[in-house]
Amino acid sequence: LSARVHFNAVLLLVYGSALMFVFRFFAGPLAHKLSPIGLLWFSALL
């Protein structure tokens, strides 16, 4: 993807790792609201 998006796409990994680090702390409340299966359904869709 680097040539296609015109920057070093490896930086997306660092950015994505930061997102995952933050959002995993909210999994408990989301799983309680949606159910763990519901959380996985929305995860697959996104």
ModelCIF file with pLDDT and N, C-alpha, C, O atoms, coordinates in Angstrom:
data_MODEL
#
_entry.id   MODEL 
#
_entity.id                         1 
_entity.type                       polymer 
_entity.pdbx_number_of_molecules   1 
#
_entity_poly.entity_id                      1 
_entity_poly.type                           'polypeptide(L)' 
_entity_poly.nstd_linkage                   no 
_entity_poly.nstd_monomer                   no 
_entity_poly.pdbx_seq_one_letter_code       LSARVHFNAVLLLVYGSALMFVFRFFAGPLAHKLSPIGLLWFSALL 
_entity_poly.pdbx_seq_one_letter_code_can   LSARVHFNAVLLLVYGSALMFVFRFFAGPLAHKLSPIGLLWFSALL 
_entity_poly.pdbx_strand_id                 A 
#
loop_
_entity_poly_seq.entity_id 
_entity_poly_seq.num 
_entity_poly_seq.mon_id 
_entity_poly_seq.hetero 
1 1  LEU n 
1 2  SER n 
1 3  ALA n 
1 4  ARG n 
1 5  VAL n 
1 6  HIS n 
1 7  PHE n 
1 8  ASN n 
1 9  ALA n 
1 10 VAL n 
1 11 LEU n 
1 12 LEU n 
1 13 LEU n 
1 14 VAL n 
1 15 TYR n 
1 16 GLY n 
1 17 SER n 
1 18 ALA n 
1 19 LEU n 
1 20 MET n 
1 21 PHE n 
1 22 VAL n 
1 23 PHE n 
1 24 ARG n 
1 25 PHE n 
1 26 PHE n 
1 27 ALA n 
1 28 GLY n 
1 29 PRO n 
1 30 LEU n 
1 31 ALA n 
1 32 HIS n 
1 33 LYS n 
1 34 LEU n 
1 35 SER n 
1 36 PRO n 
1 37 ILE n 
1 38 GLY n 
1 39 LEU n 
1 40 LEU n 
1 41 TRP n 
1 42 PHE n 
1 43 SER n 
1 44 ALA n 
1 45 LEU n 
1 46 LEU n 
#
_struct_asym.id          A 
_struct_asym.entity_id   1 
#
loop_
_ma_qa_metric.id 
_ma_qa_metric.mode 
_ma_qa_metric.name 
_ma_qa_metric.software_group_id 
_ma_qa_metric.type 
1 global pLDDT . pLDDT 
2 local  pLDDT . pLDDT 
#
_ma_qa_metric_global.metric_id      1 
_ma_qa_metric_global.metric_value   88.39 
_ma_qa_metric_global.model_id       1 
_ma_qa_metric_global.ordinal_id     1 
#
loop_
_ma_qa_metric_local.label_asym_id 
_ma_qa_metric_local.label_comp_id 
_ma_qa_metric_local.label_seq_id 
_ma_qa_metric_local.metric_id 
_ma_qa_metric_local.metric_value 
_ma_qa_metric_local.model_id 
_ma_qa_metric_local.ordinal_id 
A LEU 1  2 82.00 1 1  
A SER 2  2 80.00 1 2  
A ALA 3  2 83.00 1 3  
A ARG 4  2 88.00 1 4  
A VAL 5  2 87.00 1 5  
A HIS 6  2 86.00 1 6  
A PHE 7  2 80.00 1 7  
A ASN 8  2 74.00 1 8  
A ALA 9  2 71.00 1 9  
A VAL 10 2 65.00 1 10 
A LEU 11 2 78.00 1 11 
A LEU 12 2 83.00 1 12 
A LEU 13 2 77.00 1 13 
A VAL 14 2 80.00 1 14 
A TYR 15 2 88.00 1 15 
A GLY 16 2 88.00 1 16 
A SER 17 2 88.00 1 17 
A ALA 18 2 91.00 1 18 
A LEU 19 2 93.00 1 19 
A MET 20 2 93.00 1 20 
A PHE 21 2 93.00 1 21 
A VAL 22 2 92.00 1 22 
A PHE 23 2 92.00 1 23 
A ARG 24 2 93.00 1 24 
A PHE 25 2 91.00 1 25 
A PHE 26 2 88.00 1 26 
A ALA 27 2 88.00 1 27 
A GLY 28 2 87.00 1 28 
A PRO 29 2 89.00 1 29 
A LEU 30 2 89.00 1 30 
A ALA 31 2 87.00 1 31 
A HIS 32 2 85.00 1 32 
A LYS 33 2 89.00 1 33 
A LEU 34 2 90.00 1 34 
A SER 35 2 93.00 1 35 
A PRO 36 2 95.00 1 36 
A ILE 37 2 97.00 1 37 
A GLY 38 2 96.00 1 38 
A LEU 39 2 96.00 1 39 
A LEU 40 2 97.00 1 40 
A TRP 41 2 98.00 1 41 
A PHE 42 2 97.00 1 42 
A SER 43 2 97.00 1 43 
A ALA 44 2 97.00 1 44 
A LEU 45 2 98.00 1 45 
A LEU 46 2 97.00 1 46 
#
loop_
_atom_site.group_PDB 
_atom_site.id 
_atom_site.type_symbol 
_atom_site.label_atom_id 
_atom_site.label_alt_id 
_atom_site.label_comp_id 
_atom_site.label_asym_id 
_atom_site.label_entity_id 
_atom_site.label_seq_id 
_atom_site.pdbx_PDB_ins_code 
_atom_site.Cartn_x 
_atom_site.Cartn_y 
_atom_site.Cartn_z 
_atom_site.occupancy 
_atom_site.B_iso_or_equiv 
_atom_site.pdbx_formal_charge 
_atom_site.auth_seq_id 
_atom_site.auth_comp_id 
_atom_site.auth_asym_id 
_atom_site.auth_atom_id 
_atom_site.pdbx_PDB_model_num 
ATOM 1   N N  . LEU A 1 1  ? 0.779   -1.240  0.000  1.00 82.00 ? 1  LEU A N  1 
ATOM 2   C CA . LEU A 1 1  ? 0.000   0.000   0.000  1.00 82.00 ? 1  LEU A CA 1 
ATOM 3   C C  . LEU A 1 1  ? 0.809   1.288   0.000  1.00 82.00 ? 1  LEU A C  1 
ATOM 4   O O  . LEU A 1 1  ? 0.274   2.344   -0.339 1.00 82.00 ? 1  LEU A O  1 
ATOM 5   N N  . SER A 1 2  ? 2.081   1.231   0.370  1.00 80.00 ? 2  SER A N  1 
ATOM 6   C CA . SER A 1 2  ? 2.840   2.475   0.533  1.00 80.00 ? 2  SER A CA 1 
ATOM 7   C C  . SER A 1 2  ? 2.825   3.344   -0.718 1.00 80.00 ? 2  SER A C  1 
ATOM 8   O O  . SER A 1 2  ? 2.552   4.542   -0.641 1.00 80.00 ? 2  SER A O  1 
ATOM 9   N N  . ALA A 1 3  ? 3.116   2.744   -1.869 1.00 83.00 ? 3  ALA A N  1 
ATOM 10  C CA . ALA A 1 3  ? 3.136   3.522   -3.109 1.00 83.00 ? 3  ALA A CA 1 
ATOM 11  C C  . ALA A 1 3  ? 1.739   4.017   -3.473 1.00 83.00 ? 3  ALA A C  1 
ATOM 12  O O  . ALA A 1 3  ? 1.586   5.097   -4.042 1.00 83.00 ? 3  ALA A O  1 
ATOM 13  N N  . ARG A 1 4  ? 0.737   3.234   -3.146 1.00 88.00 ? 4  ARG A N  1 
ATOM 14  C CA . ARG A 1 4  ? -0.626  3.598   -3.519 1.00 88.00 ? 4  ARG A CA 1 
ATOM 15  C C  . ARG A 1 4  ? -1.158  4.767   -2.700 1.00 88.00 ? 4  ARG A C  1 
ATOM 16  O O  . ARG A 1 4  ? -1.882  5.614   -3.223 1.00 88.00 ? 4  ARG A O  1 
ATOM 17  N N  . VAL A 1 5  ? -0.800  4.818   -1.412 1.00 87.00 ? 5  VAL A N  1 
ATOM 18  C CA . VAL A 1 5  ? -1.342  5.869   -0.537 1.00 87.00 ? 5  VAL A CA 1 
ATOM 19  C C  . VAL A 1 5  ? -0.347  7.007   -0.313 1.00 87.00 ? 5  VAL A C  1 
ATOM 20  O O  . VAL A 1 5  ? -0.640  7.967   0.399  1.00 87.00 ? 5  VAL A O  1 
ATOM 21  N N  . HIS A 1 6  ? 0.836   6.890   -0.929 1.00 86.00 ? 6  HIS A N  1 
ATOM 22  C CA . HIS A 1 6  ? 1.817   7.984   -0.955 1.00 86.00 ? 6  HIS A CA 1 
ATOM 23  C C  . HIS A 1 6  ? 2.403   8.320   0.424  1.00 86.00 ? 6  HIS A C  1 
ATOM 24  O O  . HIS A 1 6  ? 2.673   9.486   0.711  1.00 86.00 ? 6  HIS A O  1 
ATOM 25  N N  . PHE A 1 7  ? 2.597   7.322   1.263  1.00 80.00 ? 7  PHE A N  1 
ATOM 26  C CA . PHE A 1 7  ? 3.373   7.484   2.492  1.00 80.00 ? 7  PHE A CA 1 
ATOM 27  C C  . PHE A 1 7  ? 3.706   6.094   3.007  1.00 80.00 ? 7  PHE A C  1 
ATOM 28  O O  . PHE A 1 7  ? 3.151   5.101   2.537  1.00 80.00 ? 7  PHE A O  1 
ATOM 29  N N  . ASN A 1 8  ? 4.613   6.024   3.974  1.00 74.00 ? 8  ASN A N  1 
ATOM 30  C CA . ASN A 1 8  ? 5.036   4.733   4.498  1.00 74.00 ? 8  ASN A CA 1 
ATOM 31  C C  . ASN A 1 8  ? 3.880   4.102   5.263  1.00 74.00 ? 8  ASN A C  1 
ATOM 32  O O  . ASN A 1 8  ? 3.595   4.489   6.396  1.00 74.00 ? 8  ASN A O  1 
ATOM 33  N N  . ALA A 1 9  ? 3.221   3.142   4.648  1.00 71.00 ? 9  ALA A N  1 
ATOM 34  C CA . ALA A 1 9  ? 2.020   2.556   5.229  1.00 71.00 ? 9  ALA A CA 1 
ATOM 35  C C  . ALA A 1 9  ? 2.313   1.748   6.484  1.00 71.00 ? 9  ALA A C  1 
ATOM 36  O O  . ALA A 1 9  ? 1.384   1.377   7.202  1.00 71.00 ? 9  ALA A O  1 
ATOM 37  N N  . VAL A 1 10 ? 3.589   1.464   6.767  1.00 65.00 ? 10 VAL A N  1 
ATOM 38  C CA . VAL A 1 10 ? 3.924   0.778   8.019  1.00 65.00 ? 10 VAL A CA 1 
ATOM 39  C C  . VAL A 1 10 ? 3.475   1.620   9.214  1.00 65.00 ? 10 VAL A C  1 
ATOM 40  O O  . VAL A 1 10 ? 3.175   1.084   10.281 1.00 65.00 ? 10 VAL A O  1 
ATOM 41  N N  . LEU A 1 11 ? 3.430   2.932   9.028  1.00 78.00 ? 11 LEU A N  1 
ATOM 42  C CA . LEU A 1 11 ? 2.961   3.807   10.098 1.00 78.00 ? 11 LEU A CA 1 
ATOM 43  C C  . LEU A 1 11 ? 1.513   3.494   10.485 1.00 78.00 ? 11 LEU A C  1 
ATOM 44  O O  . LEU A 1 11 ? 1.088   3.792   11.601 1.00 78.00 ? 11 LEU A O  1 
ATOM 45  N N  . LEU A 1 12 ? 0.761   2.895   9.563  1.00 83.00 ? 12 LEU A N  1 
ATOM 46  C CA . LEU A 1 12 ? -0.599  2.488   9.896  1.00 83.00 ? 12 LEU A CA 1 
ATOM 47  C C  . LEU A 1 12 ? -0.600  1.434   10.996 1.00 83.00 ? 12 LEU A C  1 
ATOM 48  O O  . LEU A 1 12 ? -1.535  1.363   11.793 1.00 83.00 ? 12 LEU A O  1 
ATOM 49  N N  . LEU A 1 13 ? 0.462   0.605   11.040 1.00 77.00 ? 13 LEU A N  1 
ATOM 50  C CA . LEU A 1 13 ? 0.553   -0.419  12.083 1.00 77.00 ? 13 LEU A CA 1 
ATOM 51  C C  . LEU A 1 13 ? 0.713   0.216   13.455 1.00 77.00 ? 13 LEU A C  1 
ATOM 52  O O  . LEU A 1 13 ? 0.081   -0.204  14.424 1.00 77.00 ? 13 LEU A O  1 
ATOM 53  N N  . VAL A 1 14 ? 1.564   1.235   13.526 1.00 80.00 ? 14 VAL A N  1 
ATOM 54  C CA . VAL A 1 14 ? 1.761   1.924   14.798 1.00 80.00 ? 14 VAL A CA 1 
ATOM 55  C C  . VAL A 1 14 ? 0.457   2.608   15.225 1.00 80.00 ? 14 VAL A C  1 
ATOM 56  O O  . VAL A 1 14 ? 0.038   2.512   16.379 1.00 80.00 ? 14 VAL A O  1 
ATOM 57  N N  . TYR A 1 15 ? -0.166  3.293   14.279 1.00 88.00 ? 15 TYR A N  1 
ATOM 58  C CA . TYR A 1 15 ? -1.440  3.962   14.557 1.00 88.00 ? 15 TYR A CA 1 
ATOM 59  C C  . TYR A 1 15 ? -2.498  2.943   14.977 1.00 88.00 ? 15 TYR A C  1 
ATOM 60  O O  . TYR A 1 15 ? -3.220  3.151   15.952 1.00 88.00 ? 15 TYR A O  1 
ATOM 61  N N  . GLY A 1 16 ? -2.581  1.844   14.236 1.00 88.00 ? 16 GLY A N  1 
ATOM 62  C CA . GLY A 1 16 ? -3.570  0.819   14.561 1.00 88.00 ? 16 GLY A CA 1 
ATOM 63  C C  . GLY A 1 16 ? -3.322  0.176   15.903 1.00 88.00 ? 16 GLY A C  1 
ATOM 64  O O  . GLY A 1 16 ? -4.270  -0.115  16.632 1.00 88.00 ? 16 GLY A O  1 
ATOM 65  N N  . SER A 1 17 ? -2.050  -0.056  16.250 1.00 88.00 ? 17 SER A N  1 
ATOM 66  C CA . SER A 1 17 ? -1.723  -0.634  17.552 1.00 88.00 ? 17 SER A CA 1 
ATOM 67  C C  . SER A 1 17 ? -2.158  0.296   18.676 1.00 88.00 ? 17 SER A C  1 
ATOM 68  O O  . SER A 1 17 ? -2.638  -0.154  19.716 1.00 88.00 ? 17 SER A O  1 
ATOM 69  N N  . ALA A 1 18 ? -1.985  1.613   18.455 1.00 91.00 ? 18 ALA A N  1 
ATOM 70  C CA . ALA A 1 18 ? -2.428  2.583   19.469 1.00 91.00 ? 18 ALA A CA 1 
ATOM 71  C C  . ALA A 1 18 ? -3.942  2.544   19.636 1.00 91.00 ? 18 ALA A C  1 
ATOM 72  O O  . ALA A 1 18 ? -4.443  2.602   20.759 1.00 91.00 ? 18 ALA A O  1 
ATOM 73  N N  . LEU A 1 19 ? -4.675  2.445   18.525 1.00 93.00 ? 19 LEU A N  1 
ATOM 74  C CA . LEU A 1 19 ? -6.135  2.343   18.595 1.00 93.00 ? 19 LEU A CA 1 
ATOM 75  C C  . LEU A 1 19 ? -6.553  1.094   19.371 1.00 93.00 ? 19 LEU A C  1 
ATOM 76  O O  . LEU A 1 19 ? -7.427  1.152   20.236 1.00 93.00 ? 19 LEU A O  1 
ATOM 77  N N  . MET A 1 20 ? -5.921  -0.030  19.053 1.00 93.00 ? 20 MET A N  1 
ATOM 78  C CA . MET A 1 20 ? -6.270  -1.281  19.718 1.00 93.00 ? 20 MET A CA 1 
ATOM 79  C C  . MET A 1 20 ? -5.975  -1.220  21.202 1.00 93.00 ? 20 MET A C  1 
ATOM 80  O O  . MET A 1 20 ? -6.744  -1.724  22.020 1.00 93.00 ? 20 MET A O  1 
ATOM 81  N N  . PHE A 1 21 ? -4.857  -0.601  21.546 1.00 93.00 ? 21 PHE A N  1 
ATOM 82  C CA . PHE A 1 21 ? -4.498  -0.475  22.961 1.00 93.00 ? 21 PHE A CA 1 
ATOM 83  C C  . PHE A 1 21 ? -5.588  0.267   23.731 1.00 93.00 ? 21 PHE A C  1 
ATOM 84  O O  . PHE A 1 21 ? -5.962  -0.144  24.829 1.00 93.00 ? 21 PHE A O  1 
ATOM 85  N N  . VAL A 1 22 ? -6.096  1.353   23.160 1.00 92.00 ? 22 VAL A N  1 
ATOM 86  C CA . VAL A 1 22 ? -7.107  2.169   23.840 1.00 92.00 ? 22 VAL A CA 1 
ATOM 87  C C  . VAL A 1 22 ? -8.461  1.464   23.874 1.00 92.00 ? 22 VAL A C  1 
ATOM 88  O O  . VAL A 1 22 ? -9.086  1.374   24.931 1.00 92.00 ? 22 VAL A O  1 
ATOM 89  N N  . PHE A 1 23 ? -8.913  0.970   22.735 1.00 92.00 ? 23 PHE A N  1 
ATOM 90  C CA . PHE A 1 23 ? -10.276 0.465   22.639 1.00 92.00 ? 23 PHE A CA 1 
ATOM 91  C C  . PHE A 1 23 ? -10.490 -0.834  23.401 1.00 92.00 ? 23 PHE A C  1 
ATOM 92  O O  . PHE A 1 23 ? -11.611 -1.108  23.828 1.00 92.00 ? 23 PHE A O  1 
ATOM 93  N N  . ARG A 1 24 ? -9.453  -1.639  23.585 1.00 93.00 ? 24 ARG A N  1 
ATOM 94  C CA . ARG A 1 24 ? -9.641  -2.899  24.309 1.00 93.00 ? 24 ARG A CA 1 
ATOM 95  C C  . ARG A 1 24 ? -10.011 -2.680  25.769 1.00 93.00 ? 24 ARG A C  1 
ATOM 96  O O  . ARG A 1 24 ? -10.550 -3.583  26.410 1.00 93.00 ? 24 ARG A O  1 
ATOM 97  N N  . PHE A 1 25 ? -9.734  -1.510  26.298 1.00 91.00 ? 25 PHE A N  1 
ATOM 98  C CA . PHE A 1 25 ? -10.132 -1.225  27.666 1.00 91.00 ? 25 PHE A CA 1 
ATOM 99  C C  . PHE A 1 25 ? -11.648 -1.013  27.788 1.00 91.00 ? 25 PHE A C  1 
ATOM 100 O O  . PHE A 1 25 ? -12.189 -1.011  28.894 1.00 91.00 ? 25 PHE A O  1 
ATOM 101 N N  . PHE A 1 26 ? -12.325 -0.836  26.654 1.00 88.00 ? 26 PHE A N  1 
ATOM 102 C CA . PHE A 1 26 ? -13.771 -0.602  26.675 1.00 88.00 ? 26 PHE A CA 1 
ATOM 103 C C  . PHE A 1 26 ? -14.562 -1.844  26.273 1.00 88.00 ? 26 PHE A C  1 
ATOM 104 O O  . PHE A 1 26 ? -15.784 -1.777  26.134 1.00 88.00 ? 26 PHE A O  1 
ATOM 105 N N  . ALA A 1 27 ? -13.890 -2.966  26.087 1.00 88.00 ? 27 ALA A N  1 
ATOM 106 C CA . ALA A 1 27 ? -14.565 -4.170  25.613 1.00 88.00 ? 27 ALA A CA 1 
ATOM 107 C C  . ALA A 1 27 ? -15.581 -4.697  26.617 1.00 88.00 ? 27 ALA A C  1 
ATOM 108 O O  . ALA A 1 27 ? -16.649 -5.171  26.230 1.00 88.00 ? 27 ALA A O  1 
ATOM 109 N N  . GLY A 1 28 ? -15.251 -4.614  27.922 1.00 87.00 ? 28 GLY A N  1 
ATOM 110 C CA . GLY A 1 28 ? -16.157 -5.134  28.948 1.00 87.00 ? 28 GLY A CA 1 
ATOM 111 C C  . GLY A 1 28 ? -17.524 -4.482  28.900 1.00 87.00 ? 28 GLY A C  1 
ATOM 112 O O  . GLY A 1 28 ? -18.522 -5.193  28.790 1.00 87.00 ? 28 GLY A O  1 
ATOM 113 N N  . PRO A 1 29 ? -17.618 -3.137  28.978 1.00 89.00 ? 29 PRO A N  1 
ATOM 114 C CA . PRO A 1 29 ? -18.925 -2.476  28.900 1.00 89.00 ? 29 PRO A CA 1 
ATOM 115 C C  . PRO A 1 29 ? -19.647 -2.741  27.580 1.00 89.00 ? 29 PRO A C  1 
ATOM 116 O O  . PRO A 1 29 ? -20.868 -2.902  27.565 1.00 89.00 ? 29 PRO A O  1 
ATOM 117 N N  . LEU A 1 30 ? -18.898 -2.788  26.461 1.00 89.00 ? 30 LEU A N  1 
ATOM 118 C CA . LEU A 1 30 ? -19.537 -3.045  25.164 1.00 89.00 ? 30 LEU A CA 1 
ATOM 119 C C  . LEU A 1 30 ? -20.103 -4.465  25.107 1.00 89.00 ? 30 LEU A C  1 
ATOM 120 O O  . LEU A 1 30 ? -21.210 -4.685  24.617 1.00 89.00 ? 30 LEU A O  1 
ATOM 121 N N  . ALA A 1 31 ? -19.321 -5.428  25.617 1.00 87.00 ? 31 ALA A N  1 
ATOM 122 C CA . ALA A 1 31 ? -19.792 -6.813  25.624 1.00 87.00 ? 31 ALA A CA 1 
ATOM 123 C C  . ALA A 1 31 ? -21.020 -6.957  26.517 1.00 87.00 ? 31 ALA A C  1 
ATOM 124 O O  . ALA A 1 31 ? -21.923 -7.737  26.215 1.00 87.00 ? 31 ALA A O  1 
ATOM 125 N N  . HIS A 1 32 ? -21.053 -6.198  27.623 1.00 85.00 ? 32 HIS A N  1 
ATOM 126 C CA . HIS A 1 32 ? -22.211 -6.248  28.523 1.00 85.00 ? 32 HIS A CA 1 
ATOM 127 C C  . HIS A 1 32 ? -23.452 -5.673  27.847 1.00 85.00 ? 32 HIS A C  1 
ATOM 128 O O  . HIS A 1 32 ? -24.560 -6.173  28.041 1.00 85.00 ? 32 HIS A O  1 
ATOM 129 N N  . LYS A 1 33 ? -23.261 -4.621  27.051 1.00 89.00 ? 33 LYS A N  1 
ATOM 130 C CA . LYS A 1 33 ? -24.388 -3.967  26.398 1.00 89.00 ? 33 LYS A CA 1 
ATOM 131 C C  . LYS A 1 33 ? -24.896 -4.768  25.196 1.00 89.00 ? 33 LYS A C  1 
ATOM 132 O O  . LYS A 1 33 ? -26.102 -4.926  25.007 1.00 89.00 ? 33 LYS A O  1 
ATOM 133 N N  . LEU A 1 34 ? -23.951 -5.273  24.384 1.00 90.00 ? 34 LEU A N  1 
ATOM 134 C CA . LEU A 1 34 ? -24.318 -5.963  23.144 1.00 90.00 ? 34 LEU A CA 1 
ATOM 135 C C  . LEU A 1 34 ? -24.366 -7.481  23.301 1.00 90.00 ? 34 LEU A C  1 
ATOM 136 O O  . LEU A 1 34 ? -25.051 -8.155  22.532 1.00 90.00 ? 34 LEU A O  1 
ATOM 137 N N  . SER A 1 35 ? -23.660 -8.021  24.271 1.00 93.00 ? 35 SER A N  1 
ATOM 138 C CA . SER A 1 35 ? -23.281 -9.417  24.456 1.00 93.00 ? 35 SER A CA 1 
ATOM 139 C C  . SER A 1 35 ? -21.985 -9.635  23.680 1.00 93.00 ? 35 SER A C  1 
ATOM 140 O O  . SER A 1 35 ? -21.756 -8.970  22.670 1.00 93.00 ? 35 SER A O  1 
ATOM 141 N N  . PRO A 1 36 ? -21.139 -10.548 24.133 1.00 95.00 ? 36 PRO A N  1 
ATOM 142 C CA . PRO A 1 36 ? -19.878 -10.791 23.418 1.00 95.00 ? 36 PRO A CA 1 
ATOM 143 C C  . PRO A 1 36 ? -20.093 -11.174 21.956 1.00 95.00 ? 36 PRO A C  1 
ATOM 144 O O  . PRO A 1 36 ? -19.306 -10.788 21.092 1.00 95.00 ? 36 PRO A O  1 
ATOM 145 N N  . ILE A 1 37 ? -21.161 -11.938 21.673 1.00 97.00 ? 37 ILE A N  1 
ATOM 146 C CA . ILE A 1 37 ? -21.423 -12.328 20.279 1.00 97.00 ? 37 ILE A CA 1 
ATOM 147 C C  . ILE A 1 37 ? -21.820 -11.104 19.460 1.00 97.00 ? 37 ILE A C  1 
ATOM 148 O O  . ILE A 1 37 ? -21.394 -10.956 18.315 1.00 97.00 ? 37 ILE A O  1 
ATOM 149 N N  . GLY A 1 38 ? -22.622 -10.241 20.037 1.00 96.00 ? 38 GLY A N  1 
ATOM 150 C CA . GLY A 1 38 ? -23.007 -9.012  19.346 1.00 96.00 ? 38 GLY A CA 1 
ATOM 151 C C  . GLY A 1 38 ? -21.805 -8.131  19.073 1.00 96.00 ? 38 GLY A C  1 
ATOM 152 O O  . GLY A 1 38 ? -21.707 -7.517  18.011 1.00 96.00 ? 38 GLY A O  1 
ATOM 153 N N  . LEU A 1 39 ? -20.882 -8.066  20.038 1.00 96.00 ? 39 LEU A N  1 
ATOM 154 C CA . LEU A 1 39 ? -19.661 -7.295  19.850 1.00 96.00 ? 39 LEU A CA 1 
ATOM 155 C C  . LEU A 1 39 ? -18.855 -7.864  18.685 1.00 96.00 ? 39 LEU A C  1 
ATOM 156 O O  . LEU A 1 39 ? -18.315 -7.106  17.879 1.00 96.00 ? 39 LEU A O  1 
ATOM 157 N N  . LEU A 1 40 ? -18.771 -9.177  18.590 1.00 97.00 ? 40 LEU A N  1 
ATOM 158 C CA . LEU A 1 40 ? -18.044 -9.812  17.486 1.00 97.00 ? 40 LEU A CA 1 
ATOM 159 C C  . LEU A 1 40 ? -18.745 -9.573  16.151 1.00 97.00 ? 40 LEU A C  1 
ATOM 160 O O  . LEU A 1 40 ? -18.081 -9.422  15.126 1.00 97.00 ? 40 LEU A O  1 
ATOM 161 N N  . TRP A 1 41 ? -20.081 -9.536  16.150 1.00 98.00 ? 41 TRP A N  1 
ATOM 162 C CA . TRP A 1 41 ? -20.825 -9.275  14.912 1.00 98.00 ? 41 TRP A CA 1 
ATOM 163 C C  . TRP A 1 41 ? -20.479 -7.884  14.376 1.00 98.00 ? 41 TRP A C  1 
ATOM 164 O O  . TRP A 1 41 ? -20.177 -7.731  13.192 1.00 98.00 ? 41 TRP A O  1 
ATOM 165 N N  . PHE A 1 42 ? -20.524 -6.878  15.241 1.00 97.00 ? 42 PHE A N  1 
ATOM 166 C CA . PHE A 1 42 ? -20.185 -5.523  14.811 1.00 97.00 ? 42 PHE A CA 1 
ATOM 167 C C  . PHE A 1 42 ? -18.706 -5.431  14.435 1.00 97.00 ? 42 PHE A C  1 
ATOM 168 O O  . PHE A 1 42 ? -18.338 -4.699  13.516 1.00 97.00 ? 42 PHE A O  1 
ATOM 169 N N  . SER A 1 43 ? -17.869 -6.170  15.143 1.00 97.00 ? 43 SER A N  1 
ATOM 170 C CA . SER A 1 43 ? -16.439 -6.163  14.830 1.00 97.00 ? 43 SER A CA 1 
ATOM 171 C C  . SER A 1 43 ? -16.197 -6.686  13.422 1.00 97.00 ? 43 SER A C  1 
ATOM 172 O O  . SER A 1 43 ? -15.444 -6.089  12.653 1.00 97.00 ? 43 SER A O  1 
ATOM 173 N N  . ALA A 1 44 ? -16.839 -7.807  13.085 1.00 97.00 ? 44 ALA A N  1 
ATOM 174 C CA . ALA A 1 44 ? -16.674 -8.389  11.748 1.00 97.00 ? 44 ALA A CA 1 
ATOM 175 C C  . ALA A 1 44 ? -17.183 -7.446  10.668 1.00 97.00 ? 44 ALA A C  1 
ATOM 176 O O  . ALA A 1 44 ? -16.568 -7.311  9.610  1.00 97.00 ? 44 ALA A O  1 
ATOM 177 N N  . LEU A 1 45 ? -18.301 -6.798  10.936 1.00 98.00 ? 45 LEU A N  1 
ATOM 178 C CA . LEU A 1 45 ? -18.875 -5.854  9.971  1.00 98.00 ? 45 LEU A CA 1 
ATOM 179 C C  . LEU A 1 45 ? -17.905 -4.693  9.721  1.00 98.00 ? 45 LEU A C  1 
ATOM 180 O O  . LEU A 1 45 ? -17.625 -4.354  8.571  1.00 98.00 ? 45 LEU A O  1 
ATOM 181 N N  . LEU A 1 46 ? -17.393 -4.086  10.795 1.00 97.00 ? 46 LEU A N  1 
ATOM 182 C CA . LEU A 1 46 ? -16.484 -2.957  10.651 1.00 97.00 ? 46 LEU A CA 1 
ATOM 183 C C  . LEU A 1 46 ? -15.158 -3.381  10.007 1.00 97.00 ? 46 LEU A C  1 
ATOM 184 O O  . LEU A 1 46 ? -14.273 -2.548  9.811  1.00 97.00 ? 46 LEU A O  1 
#
